[in-house]
Amino acid sequence: MPTDMKVDIGIVSAATMADRSGDDLHAADTRQELMSLSARFGLTVTFQRPEKARFAAILEELAKQHHIQMPMEELLVKAEAFAIRAGGRSPRVAKQFIEQCESGVQK
């Protein structure tokens, strides 16, 4: 089935990944939660993607904390490839990559 095909028969409906904004599964819930934080506490929550150097620093620190024994250059190359598949660099993606390294999934 092509990825851009939609089926809409009464109550049955299938949406594609392109129909969603970003990679958030429940975007409306996320927006509501952020607006609630803002209204209640005057907080603004932002999720910025770190530059490559900052991503490398995050990876290096996480690798130390999790006792990952891999040369830093190799770690960075593999983490960049992982980040591309995961939708971009972020601290969350760095943590997921390190946890996979620790569990033996990433070698």
PDB file of N, CA and C in Angstrom:
ATOM      1  N   MET A   1       0.848  -1.173   0.000  1.00  0.00           N
ATOM      2  CA  MET A   1       0.000   0.000   0.000  1.00  0.00           C
ATOM      3  C   MET A   1       0.893   1.236   0.000  1.00  0.00           C
ATOM      4  N   PRO A   2       0.676   2.189  -0.890  1.00  0.00           N
ATOM      5  CA  PRO A   2       1.481   3.412  -0.909  1.00  0.00           C
ATOM      6  C   PRO A   2       1.324   4.182   0.398  1.00  0.00           C
ATOM      7  N   THR A   3       2.384   4.892   0.792  1.00  0.00           N
ATOM      8  CA  THR A   3       2.343   5.605   2.067  1.00  0.00           C
ATOM      9  C   THR A   3       1.437   6.823   2.038  1.00  0.00           C
ATOM     10  N   ASP A   4       1.096   7.324   0.845  1.00  0.00           N
ATOM     11  CA  ASP A   4       0.251   8.506   0.802  1.00  0.00           C
ATOM     12  C   ASP A   4      -1.222   8.156   0.611  1.00  0.00           C
ATOM     13  N   MET A   5      -1.553   6.875   0.618  1.00  0.00           N
ATOM     14  CA  MET A   5      -2.935   6.449   0.425  1.00  0.00           C
ATOM     15  C   MET A   5      -3.705   6.603   1.729  1.00  0.00           C
ATOM     16  N   LYS A   6      -4.910   7.113   1.640  1.00  0.00           N
ATOM     17  CA  LYS A   6      -5.775   7.254   2.802  1.00  0.00           C
ATOM     18  C   LYS A   6      -7.053   6.460   2.558  1.00  0.00           C
ATOM     19  N   VAL A   7      -7.539   5.842   3.602  1.00  0.00           N
ATOM     20  CA  VAL A   7      -8.785   5.105   3.524  1.00  0.00           C
ATOM     21  C   VAL A   7      -9.765   5.799   4.449  1.00  0.00           C
ATOM     22  N   ASP A   8     -10.905   6.195   3.923  1.00  0.00           N
ATOM     23  CA  ASP A   8     -11.892   6.864   4.750  1.00  0.00           C
ATOM     24  C   ASP A   8     -13.255   6.301   4.405  1.00  0.00           C
ATOM     25  N   ILE A   9     -13.682   5.301   5.168  1.00  0.00           N
ATOM     26  CA  ILE A   9     -14.984   4.663   4.948  1.00  0.00           C
ATOM     27  C   ILE A   9     -15.760   4.799   6.246  1.00  0.00           C
ATOM     28  N   GLY A  10     -16.558   5.810   6.342  1.00  0.00           N
ATOM     29  CA  GLY A  10     -17.329   6.034   7.562  1.00  0.00           C
ATOM     30  C   GLY A  10     -16.421   6.264   8.755  1.00  0.00           C
ATOM     31  N   ILE A  11     -16.411   5.300   9.659  1.00  0.00           N
ATOM     32  CA  ILE A  11     -15.616   5.462  10.872  1.00  0.00           C
ATOM     33  C   ILE A  11     -14.207   4.910  10.741  1.00  0.00           C
ATOM     34  N   VAL A  12     -13.879   4.225   9.646  1.00  0.00           N
ATOM     35  CA  VAL A  12     -12.540   3.682   9.449  1.00  0.00           C
ATOM     36  C   VAL A  12     -11.705   4.718   8.719  1.00  0.00           C
ATOM     37  N   SER A  13     -10.581   5.097   9.310  1.00  0.00           N
ATOM     38  CA  SER A  13      -9.729   6.092   8.693  1.00  0.00           C
ATOM     39  C   SER A  13      -8.280   5.783   9.031  1.00  0.00           C
ATOM     40  N   ALA A  14      -7.420   5.805   8.021  1.00  0.00           N
ATOM     41  CA  ALA A  14      -5.990   5.599   8.227  1.00  0.00           C
ATOM     42  C   ALA A  14      -5.274   6.857   7.783  1.00  0.00           C
ATOM     43  N   ALA A  15      -4.383   7.363   8.607  1.00  0.00           N
ATOM     44  CA  ALA A  15      -3.635   8.568   8.283  1.00  0.00           C
ATOM     45  C   ALA A  15      -2.176   8.209   8.078  1.00  0.00           C
ATOM     46  N   THR A  16      -1.504   9.003   7.303  1.00  0.00           N
ATOM     47  CA  THR A  16      -0.087   8.774   7.054  1.00  0.00           C
ATOM     48  C   THR A  16       0.746   9.598   8.021  1.00  0.00           C
ATOM     49  N   MET A  17       2.056   9.292   8.070  1.00  0.00           N
ATOM     50  CA  MET A  17       2.954  10.062   8.920  1.00  0.00           C
ATOM     51  C   MET A  17       2.981  11.530   8.483  1.00  0.00           C
ATOM     52  N   ALA A  18       2.830  11.783   7.188  1.00  0.00           N
ATOM     53  CA  ALA A  18       2.870  13.151   6.676  1.00  0.00           C
ATOM     54  C   ALA A  18       1.685  13.974   7.164  1.00  0.00           C
ATOM     55  N   ASP A  19       0.607  13.309   7.579  1.00  0.00           N
ATOM     56  CA  ASP A  19      -0.569  14.023   8.061  1.00  0.00           C
ATOM     57  C   ASP A  19      -0.344  14.634   9.436  1.00  0.00           C
ATOM     58  N   ARG A  20       0.651  14.119  10.154  1.00  0.00           N
ATOM     59  CA  ARG A  20       0.940  14.629  11.487  1.00  0.00           C
ATOM     60  C   ARG A  20       1.991  15.717  11.400  1.00  0.00           C
ATOM     61  N   SER A  21       1.982  16.602  12.381  1.00  0.00           N
ATOM     62  CA  SER A  21       3.030  17.623  12.419  1.00  0.00           C
ATOM     63  C   SER A  21       4.102  17.166  13.394  1.00  0.00           C
ATOM     64  N   GLY A  22       5.347  17.130  12.948  1.00  0.00           N
ATOM     65  CA  GLY A  22       6.450  16.699  13.792  1.00  0.00           C
ATOM     66  C   GLY A  22       6.402  15.208  14.052  1.00  0.00           C
ATOM     67  N   ASP A  23       7.013  14.775  15.151  1.00  0.00           N
ATOM     68  CA  ASP A  23       7.004  13.365  15.468  1.00  0.00           C
ATOM     69  C   ASP A  23       6.206  13.075  16.735  1.00  0.00           C
ATOM     70  N   ASP A  24       5.392  14.044  17.142  1.00  0.00           N
ATOM     71  CA  ASP A  24       4.579  13.899  18.334  1.00  0.00           C
ATOM     72  C   ASP A  24       3.301  13.138  17.996  1.00  0.00           C
ATOM     73  N   LEU A  25       3.067  12.036  18.686  1.00  0.00           N
ATOM     74  CA  LEU A  25       1.880  11.239  18.411  1.00  0.00           C
ATOM     75  C   LEU A  25       0.596  11.935  18.833  1.00  0.00           C
ATOM     76  N   HIS A  26       0.664  12.675  19.912  1.00  0.00           N
ATOM     77  CA  HIS A  26      -0.526  13.332  20.439  1.00  0.00           C
ATOM     78  C   HIS A  26      -0.262  14.829  20.544  1.00  0.00           C
ATOM     79  N   ALA A  27      -0.170  15.469  19.406  1.00  0.00           N
ATOM     80  CA  ALA A  27       0.209  16.885  19.352  1.00  0.00           C
ATOM     81  C   ALA A  27      -0.757  17.770  20.132  1.00  0.00           C
ATOM     82  N   ALA A  28      -2.042  17.486  20.036  1.00  0.00           N
ATOM     83  CA  ALA A  28      -3.018  18.313  20.744  1.00  0.00           C
ATOM     84  C   ALA A  28      -2.825  18.210  22.254  1.00  0.00           C
ATOM     85  N   ASP A  29      -2.559  17.007  22.745  1.00  0.00           N
ATOM     86  CA  ASP A  29      -2.321  16.828  24.182  1.00  0.00           C
ATOM     87  C   ASP A  29      -1.069  17.573  24.619  1.00  0.00           C
ATOM     88  N   THR A  30      -0.026  17.503  23.813  1.00  0.00           N
ATOM     89  CA  THR A  30       1.221  18.182  24.141  1.00  0.00           C
ATOM     90  C   THR A  30       1.013  19.688  24.187  1.00  0.00           C
ATOM     91  N   ARG A  31       0.327  20.231  23.177  1.00  0.00           N
ATOM     92  CA  ARG A  31       0.047  21.671  23.167  1.00  0.00           C
ATOM     93  C   ARG A  31      -0.759  22.081  24.396  1.00  0.00           C
ATOM     94  N   GLN A  32      -1.766  21.283  24.740  1.00  0.00           N
ATOM     95  CA  GLN A  32      -2.607  21.596  25.894  1.00  0.00           C
ATOM     96  C   GLN A  32      -1.793  21.583  27.184  1.00  0.00           C
ATOM     97  N   GLU A  33      -0.915  20.604  27.318  1.00  0.00           N
ATOM     98  CA  GLU A  33      -0.074  20.516  28.514  1.00  0.00           C
ATOM     99  C   GLU A  33       0.855  21.721  28.622  1.00  0.00           C
ATOM    100  N   LEU A  34       1.468  22.109  27.487  1.00  0.00           N
ATOM    101  CA  LEU A  34       2.367  23.261  27.498  1.00  0.00           C
ATOM    102  C   LEU A  34       1.616  24.556  27.805  1.00  0.00           C
ATOM    103  N   MET A  35       0.416  24.690  27.244  1.00  0.00           N
ATOM    104  CA  MET A  35      -0.377  25.891  27.526  1.00  0.00           C
ATOM    105  C   MET A  35      -0.780  25.921  28.997  1.00  0.00           C
ATOM    106  N   SER A  36      -1.068  24.763  29.570  1.00  0.00           N
ATOM    107  CA  SER A  36      -1.426  24.683  30.975  1.00  0.00           C
ATOM    108  C   SER A  36      -0.261  25.119  31.855  1.00  0.00           C
ATOM    109  N   LEU A  37       0.943  24.658  31.546  1.00  0.00           N
ATOM    110  CA  LEU A  37       2.129  25.080  32.297  1.00  0.00           C
ATOM    111  C   LEU A  37       2.332  26.574  32.196  1.00  0.00           C
ATOM    112  N   SER A  38       2.143  27.091  30.998  1.00  0.00           N
ATOM    113  CA  SER A  38       2.326  28.517  30.781  1.00  0.00           C
ATOM    114  C   SER A  38       1.302  29.323  31.569  1.00  0.00           C
ATOM    115  N   ALA A  39       0.054  28.903  31.514  1.00  0.00           N
ATOM    116  CA  ALA A  39      -1.007  29.633  32.202  1.00  0.00           C
ATOM    117  C   ALA A  39      -0.847  29.557  33.715  1.00  0.00           C
ATOM    118  N   ARG A  40      -0.475  28.397  34.219  1.00  0.00           N
ATOM    119  CA  ARG A  40      -0.402  28.205  35.668  1.00  0.00           C
ATOM    120  C   ARG A  40       0.835  28.827  36.293  1.00  0.00           C
ATOM    121  N   PHE A  41       1.984  28.640  35.643  1.00  0.00           N
ATOM    122  CA  PHE A  41       3.241  29.053  36.266  1.00  0.00           C
ATOM    123  C   PHE A  41       3.985  30.139  35.492  1.00  0.00           C
ATOM    124  N   GLY A  42       3.467  30.543  34.348  1.00  0.00           N
ATOM    125  CA  GLY A  42       4.155  31.538  33.542  1.00  0.00           C
ATOM    126  C   GLY A  42       5.409  30.978  32.881  1.00  0.00           C
ATOM    127  N   LEU A  43       5.421  29.661  32.675  1.00  0.00           N
ATOM    128  CA  LEU A  43       6.583  29.005  32.069  1.00  0.00           C
ATOM    129  C   LEU A  43       6.397  28.828  30.575  1.00  0.00           C
ATOM    130  N   THR A  44       7.482  28.914  29.862  1.00  0.00           N
ATOM    131  CA  THR A  44       7.476  28.594  28.439  1.00  0.00           C
ATOM    132  C   THR A  44       8.462  27.461  28.234  1.00  0.00           C
ATOM    133  N   VAL A  45       7.982  26.365  27.666  1.00  0.00           N
ATOM    134  CA  VAL A  45       8.820  25.195  27.442  1.00  0.00           C
ATOM    135  C   VAL A  45       9.195  25.144  25.967  1.00  0.00           C
ATOM    136  N   THR A  46      10.491  25.086  25.702  1.00  0.00           N
ATOM    137  CA  THR A  46      10.953  24.969  24.326  1.00  0.00           C
ATOM    138  C   THR A  46      11.805  23.712  24.195  1.00  0.00           C
ATOM    139  N   PHE A  47      11.771  23.124  23.023  1.00  0.00           N
ATOM    140  CA  PHE A  47      12.565  21.950  22.737  1.00  0.00           C
ATOM    141  C   PHE A  47      13.449  22.275  21.542  1.00  0.00           C
ATOM    142  N   GLN A  48      14.655  22.728  21.836  1.00  0.00           N
ATOM    143  CA  GLN A  48      15.564  23.119  20.773  1.00  0.00           C
ATOM    144  C   GLN A  48      16.486  21.964  20.421  1.00  0.00           C
ATOM    145  N   ARG A  49      16.864  21.902  19.176  1.00  0.00           N
ATOM    146  CA  ARG A  49      17.808  20.881  18.730  1.00  0.00           C
ATOM    147  C   ARG A  49      19.222  21.431  18.904  1.00  0.00           C
ATOM    148  N   PRO A  50      20.063  20.690  19.616  1.00  0.00           N
ATOM    149  CA  PRO A  50      21.419  21.196  19.849  1.00  0.00           C
ATOM    150  C   PRO A  50      22.270  21.165  18.583  1.00  0.00           C
ATOM    151  N   GLU A  51      23.227  22.071  18.534  1.00  0.00           N
ATOM    152  CA  GLU A  51      24.221  22.070  17.454  1.00  0.00           C
ATOM    153  C   GLU A  51      25.046  20.795  17.576  1.00  0.00           C
ATOM    154  N   LYS A  52      25.803  20.476  16.539  1.00  0.00           N
ATOM    155  CA  LYS A  52      26.592  19.245  16.519  1.00  0.00           C
ATOM    156  C   LYS A  52      27.576  19.177  17.684  1.00  0.00           C
ATOM    157  N   ALA A  53      28.235  20.279  18.006  1.00  0.00           N
ATOM    158  CA  ALA A  53      29.211  20.297  19.098  1.00  0.00           C
ATOM    159  C   ALA A  53      28.529  20.036  20.449  1.00  0.00           C
ATOM    160  N   ARG A  54      27.373  20.625  20.659  1.00  0.00           N
ATOM    161  CA  ARG A  54      26.630  20.417  21.908  1.00  0.00           C
ATOM    162  C   ARG A  54      26.135  18.981  21.993  1.00  0.00           C
ATOM    163  N   PHE A  55      25.660  18.430  20.880  1.00  0.00           N
ATOM    164  CA  PHE A  55      25.213  17.032  20.822  1.00  0.00           C
ATOM    165  C   PHE A  55      26.371  16.108  21.181  1.00  0.00           C
ATOM    166  N   ALA A  56      27.563  16.415  20.669  1.00  0.00           N
ATOM    167  CA  ALA A  56      28.752  15.615  20.965  1.00  0.00           C
ATOM    168  C   ALA A  56      29.090  15.687  22.457  1.00  0.00           C
ATOM    169  N   ALA A  57      28.957  16.869  23.055  1.00  0.00           N
ATOM    170  CA  ALA A  57      29.236  17.027  24.484  1.00  0.00           C
ATOM    171  C   ALA A  57      28.235  16.226  25.328  1.00  0.00           C
ATOM    172  N   ILE A  58      26.980  16.247  24.928  1.00  0.00           N
ATOM    173  CA  ILE A  58      25.945  15.471  25.625  1.00  0.00           C
ATOM    174  C   ILE A  58      26.276  13.983  25.528  1.00  0.00           C
ATOM    175  N   LEU A  59      26.619  13.538  24.313  1.00  0.00           N
ATOM    176  CA  LEU A  59      26.978  12.129  24.113  1.00  0.00           C
ATOM    177  C   LEU A  59      28.179  11.725  24.960  1.00  0.00           C
ATOM    178  N   GLU A  60      29.190  12.561  24.971  1.00  0.00           N
ATOM    179  CA  GLU A  60      30.405  12.258  25.712  1.00  0.00           C
ATOM    180  C   GLU A  60      30.101  12.087  27.204  1.00  0.00           C
ATOM    181  N   GLU A  61      29.312  12.996  27.750  1.00  0.00           N
ATOM    182  CA  GLU A  61      28.969  12.917  29.170  1.00  0.00           C
ATOM    183  C   GLU A  61      28.121  11.674  29.470  1.00  0.00           C
ATOM    184  N   LEU A  62      27.139  11.414  28.623  1.00  0.00           N
ATOM    185  CA  LEU A  62      26.301  10.225  28.829  1.00  0.00           C
ATOM    186  C   LEU A  62      27.119   8.942  28.700  1.00  0.00           C
ATOM    187  N   ALA A  63      28.048   8.917  27.745  1.00  0.00           N
ATOM    188  CA  ALA A  63      28.902   7.735  27.564  1.00  0.00           C
ATOM    189  C   ALA A  63      29.744   7.488  28.819  1.00  0.00           C
ATOM    190  N   LYS A  64      30.247   8.559  29.432  1.00  0.00           N
ATOM    191  CA  LYS A  64      31.013   8.422  30.674  1.00  0.00           C
ATOM    192  C   LYS A  64      30.134   7.885  31.791  1.00  0.00           C
ATOM    193  N   GLN A  65      28.932   8.447  31.912  1.00  0.00           N
ATOM    194  CA  GLN A  65      28.017   8.033  32.976  1.00  0.00           C
ATOM    195  C   GLN A  65      27.615   6.562  32.847  1.00  0.00           C
ATOM    196  N   HIS A  66      27.493   6.088  31.599  1.00  0.00           N
ATOM    197  CA  HIS A  66      27.047   4.716  31.357  1.00  0.00           C
ATOM    198  C   HIS A  66      28.210   3.757  31.073  1.00  0.00           C
ATOM    199  N   HIS A  67      29.440   4.246  31.231  1.00  0.00           N
ATOM    200  CA  HIS A  67      30.647   3.425  31.053  1.00  0.00           C
ATOM    201  C   HIS A  67      30.708   2.761  29.677  1.00  0.00           C
ATOM    202  N   ILE A  68      30.429   3.538  28.637  1.00  0.00           N
ATOM    203  CA  ILE A  68      30.498   3.035  27.260  1.00  0.00           C
ATOM    204  C   ILE A  68      31.952   3.082  26.813  1.00  0.00           C
ATOM    205  N   GLN A  69      32.483   1.935  26.443  1.00  0.00           N
ATOM    206  CA  GLN A  69      33.872   1.819  26.003  1.00  0.00           C
ATOM    207  C   GLN A  69      33.917   1.796  24.475  1.00  0.00           C
ATOM    208  N   MET A  70      33.870   2.970  23.858  1.00  0.00           N
ATOM    209  CA  MET A  70      33.917   3.093  22.402  1.00  0.00           C
ATOM    210  C   MET A  70      34.690   4.372  22.095  1.00  0.00           C
ATOM    211  N   PRO A  71      35.569   4.343  21.105  1.00  0.00           N
ATOM    212  CA  PRO A  71      36.272   5.584  20.746  1.00  0.00           C
ATOM    213  C   PRO A  71      35.269   6.694  20.426  1.00  0.00           C
ATOM    214  N   MET A  72      35.569   7.899  20.861  1.00  0.00           N
ATOM    215  CA  MET A  72      34.642   9.020  20.705  1.00  0.00           C
ATOM    216  C   MET A  72      34.280   9.278  19.251  1.00  0.00           C
ATOM    217  N   GLU A  73      35.245   9.165  18.355  1.00  0.00           N
ATOM    218  CA  GLU A  73      34.968   9.388  16.928  1.00  0.00           C
ATOM    219  C   GLU A  73      33.932   8.388  16.409  1.00  0.00           C
ATOM    220  N   GLU A  74      34.099   7.131  16.771  1.00  0.00           N
ATOM    221  CA  GLU A  74      33.157   6.079  16.347  1.00  0.00           C
ATOM    222  C   GLU A  74      31.786   6.309  16.969  1.00  0.00           C
ATOM    223  N   LEU A  75      31.786   6.698  18.242  1.00  0.00           N
ATOM    224  CA  LEU A  75      30.537   6.979  18.944  1.00  0.00           C
ATOM    225  C   LEU A  75      29.767   8.101  18.248  1.00  0.00           C
ATOM    226  N   LEU A  76      30.485   9.162  17.870  1.00  0.00           N
ATOM    227  CA  LEU A  76      29.835  10.294  17.205  1.00  0.00           C
ATOM    228  C   LEU A  76      29.254   9.914  15.845  1.00  0.00           C
ATOM    229  N   VAL A  77      30.000   9.142  15.071  1.00  0.00           N
ATOM    230  CA  VAL A  77      29.517   8.724  13.741  1.00  0.00           C
ATOM    231  C   VAL A  77      28.249   7.889  13.885  1.00  0.00           C
ATOM    232  N   LYS A  78      28.289   6.931  14.795  1.00  0.00           N
ATOM    233  CA  LYS A  78      27.123   6.065  14.991  1.00  0.00           C
ATOM    234  C   LYS A  78      25.942   6.845  15.573  1.00  0.00           C
ATOM    235  N   ALA A  79      26.225   7.771  16.476  1.00  0.00           N
ATOM    236  CA  ALA A  79      25.153   8.578  17.072  1.00  0.00           C
ATOM    237  C   ALA A  79      24.509   9.504  16.043  1.00  0.00           C
ATOM    238  N   GLU A  80      25.304  10.061  15.144  1.00  0.00           N
ATOM    239  CA  GLU A  80      24.750  10.919  14.083  1.00  0.00           C
ATOM    240  C   GLU A  80      23.825  10.104  13.174  1.00  0.00           C
ATOM    241  N   ALA A  81      24.245   8.897  12.817  1.00  0.00           N
ATOM    242  CA  ALA A  81      23.405   8.030  11.981  1.00  0.00           C
ATOM    243  C   ALA A  81      22.114   7.679  12.722  1.00  0.00           C
ATOM    244  N   PHE A  82      22.230   7.395  14.007  1.00  0.00           N
ATOM    245  CA  PHE A  82      21.058   7.091  14.829  1.00  0.00           C
ATOM    246  C   PHE A  82      20.129   8.299  14.890  1.00  0.00           C
ATOM    247  N   ALA A  83      20.705   9.487  15.063  1.00  0.00           N
ATOM    248  CA  ALA A  83      19.907  10.714  15.156  1.00  0.00           C
ATOM    249  C   ALA A  83      19.157  10.991  13.857  1.00  0.00           C
ATOM    250  N   ILE A  84      19.782  10.711  12.731  1.00  0.00           N
ATOM    251  CA  ILE A  84      19.108  10.911  11.444  1.00  0.00           C
ATOM    252  C   ILE A  84      17.878  10.015  11.358  1.00  0.00           C
ATOM    253  N   ARG A  85      18.040   8.757  11.759  1.00  0.00           N
ATOM    254  CA  ARG A  85      16.903   7.823  11.736  1.00  0.00           C
ATOM    255  C   ARG A  85      15.836   8.190  12.756  1.00  0.00           C
ATOM    256  N   ALA A  86      16.240   8.852  13.847  1.00  0.00           N
ATOM    257  CA  ALA A  86      15.312   9.197  14.923  1.00  0.00           C
ATOM    258  C   ALA A  86      14.680  10.577  14.756  1.00  0.00           C
ATOM    259  N   GLY A  87      14.997  11.275  13.694  1.00  0.00           N
ATOM    260  CA  GLY A  87      14.361  12.568  13.442  1.00  0.00           C
ATOM    261  C   GLY A  87      15.186  13.784  13.813  1.00  0.00           C
ATOM    262  N   GLY A  88      16.436  13.598  14.146  1.00  0.00           N
ATOM    263  CA  GLY A  88      17.303  14.742  14.425  1.00  0.00           C
ATOM    264  C   GLY A  88      17.962  14.651  15.786  1.00  0.00           C
ATOM    265  N   ARG A  89      18.938  15.526  15.986  1.00  0.00           N
ATOM    266  CA  ARG A  89      19.681  15.561  17.243  1.00  0.00           C
ATOM    267  C   ARG A  89      18.820  16.125  18.360  1.00  0.00           C
ATOM    268  N   SER A  90      18.863  15.486  19.498  1.00  0.00           N
ATOM    269  CA  SER A  90      18.224  16.001  20.706  1.00  0.00           C
ATOM    270  C   SER A  90      18.836  15.267  21.890  1.00  0.00           C
ATOM    271  N   PRO A  91      18.738  15.841  23.075  1.00  0.00           N
ATOM    272  CA  PRO A  91      19.234  15.126  24.253  1.00  0.00           C
ATOM    273  C   PRO A  91      18.536  13.772  24.444  1.00  0.00           C
ATOM    274  N   ARG A  92      17.251  13.718  24.122  1.00  0.00           N
ATOM    275  CA  ARG A  92      16.502  12.466  24.241  1.00  0.00           C
ATOM    276  C   ARG A  92      17.064  11.409  23.303  1.00  0.00           C
ATOM    277  N   VAL A  93      17.362  11.789  22.069  1.00  0.00           N
ATOM    278  CA  VAL A  93      17.934  10.860  21.090  1.00  0.00           C
ATOM    279  C   VAL A  93      19.325  10.408  21.544  1.00  0.00           C
ATOM    280  N   ALA A  94      20.109  11.320  22.097  1.00  0.00           N
ATOM    281  CA  ALA A  94      21.434  10.957  22.600  1.00  0.00           C
ATOM    282  C   ALA A  94      21.308   9.921  23.709  1.00  0.00           C
ATOM    283  N   LYS A  95      20.373  10.131  24.609  1.00  0.00           N
ATOM    284  CA  LYS A  95      20.161   9.190  25.711  1.00  0.00           C
ATOM    285  C   LYS A  95      19.704   7.834  25.188  1.00  0.00           C
ATOM    286  N   GLN A  96      18.784   7.830  24.239  1.00  0.00           N
ATOM    287  CA  GLN A  96      18.312   6.565  23.666  1.00  0.00           C
ATOM    288  C   GLN A  96      19.457   5.814  22.998  1.00  0.00           C
ATOM    289  N   PHE A  97      20.309   6.527  22.280  1.00  0.00           N
ATOM    290  CA  PHE A  97      21.447   5.899  21.620  1.00  0.00           C
ATOM    291  C   PHE A  97      22.386   5.279  22.650  1.00  0.00           C
ATOM    292  N   ILE A  98      22.714   6.022  23.694  1.00  0.00           N
ATOM    293  CA  ILE A  98      23.617   5.525  24.737  1.00  0.00           C
ATOM    294  C   ILE A  98      23.010   4.316  25.436  1.00  0.00           C
ATOM    295  N   GLU A  99      21.716   4.361  25.711  1.00  0.00           N
ATOM    296  CA  GLU A  99      21.058   3.213  26.344  1.00  0.00           C
ATOM    297  C   GLU A  99      21.105   1.982  25.447  1.00  0.00           C
ATOM    298  N   GLN A 100      20.994   2.183  24.137  1.00  0.00           N
ATOM    299  CA  GLN A 100      21.114   1.056  23.211  1.00  0.00           C
ATOM    300  C   GLN A 100      22.541   0.529  23.187  1.00  0.00           C
ATOM    301  N   CYS A 101      23.505   1.408  23.260  1.00  0.00           N
ATOM    302  CA  CYS A 101      24.905   0.974  23.338  1.00  0.00           C
ATOM    303  C   CYS A 101      25.126   0.149  24.598  1.00  0.00           C
ATOM    304  N   GLU A 102      24.590   0.622  25.691  1.00  0.00           N
ATOM    305  CA  GLU A 102      24.751  -0.062  26.973  1.00  0.00           C
ATOM    306  C   GLU A 102      24.109  -1.446  26.960  1.00  0.00           C
ATOM    307  N   SER A 103      22.973  -1.573  26.290  1.00  0.00           N
ATOM    308  CA  SER A 103      22.277  -2.862  26.240  1.00  0.00           C
ATOM    309  C   SER A 103      22.859  -3.808  25.207  1.00  0.00           C
ATOM    310  N   GLY A 104      23.769  -3.294  24.350  1.00  0.00           N
ATOM    311  CA  GLY A 104      24.396  -4.140  23.350  1.00  0.00           C
ATOM    312  C   GLY A 104      23.723  -4.120  21.989  1.00  0.00           C
ATOM    313  N   VAL A 105      22.670  -3.317  21.847  1.00  0.00           N
ATOM    314  CA  VAL A 105      21.981  -3.214  20.556  1.00  0.00           C
ATOM    315  C   VAL A 105      22.868  -2.501  19.552  1.00  0.00           C
ATOM    316  N   GLN A 106      23.500  -1.406  19.973  1.00  0.00           N
ATOM    317  CA  GLN A 106      24.448  -0.656  19.128  1.00  0.00           C
ATOM    318  C   GLN A 106      25.845  -1.144  19.459  1.00  0.00           C
ATOM    319  N   LYS A 107      26.574  -1.604  18.437  1.00  0.00           N
ATOM    320  CA  LYS A 107      27.934  -2.081  18.677  1.00  0.00           C
ATOM    321  C   LYS A 107      28.918  -1.342  17.823  1.00  0.00           C
TER     322      LYS A 107
END
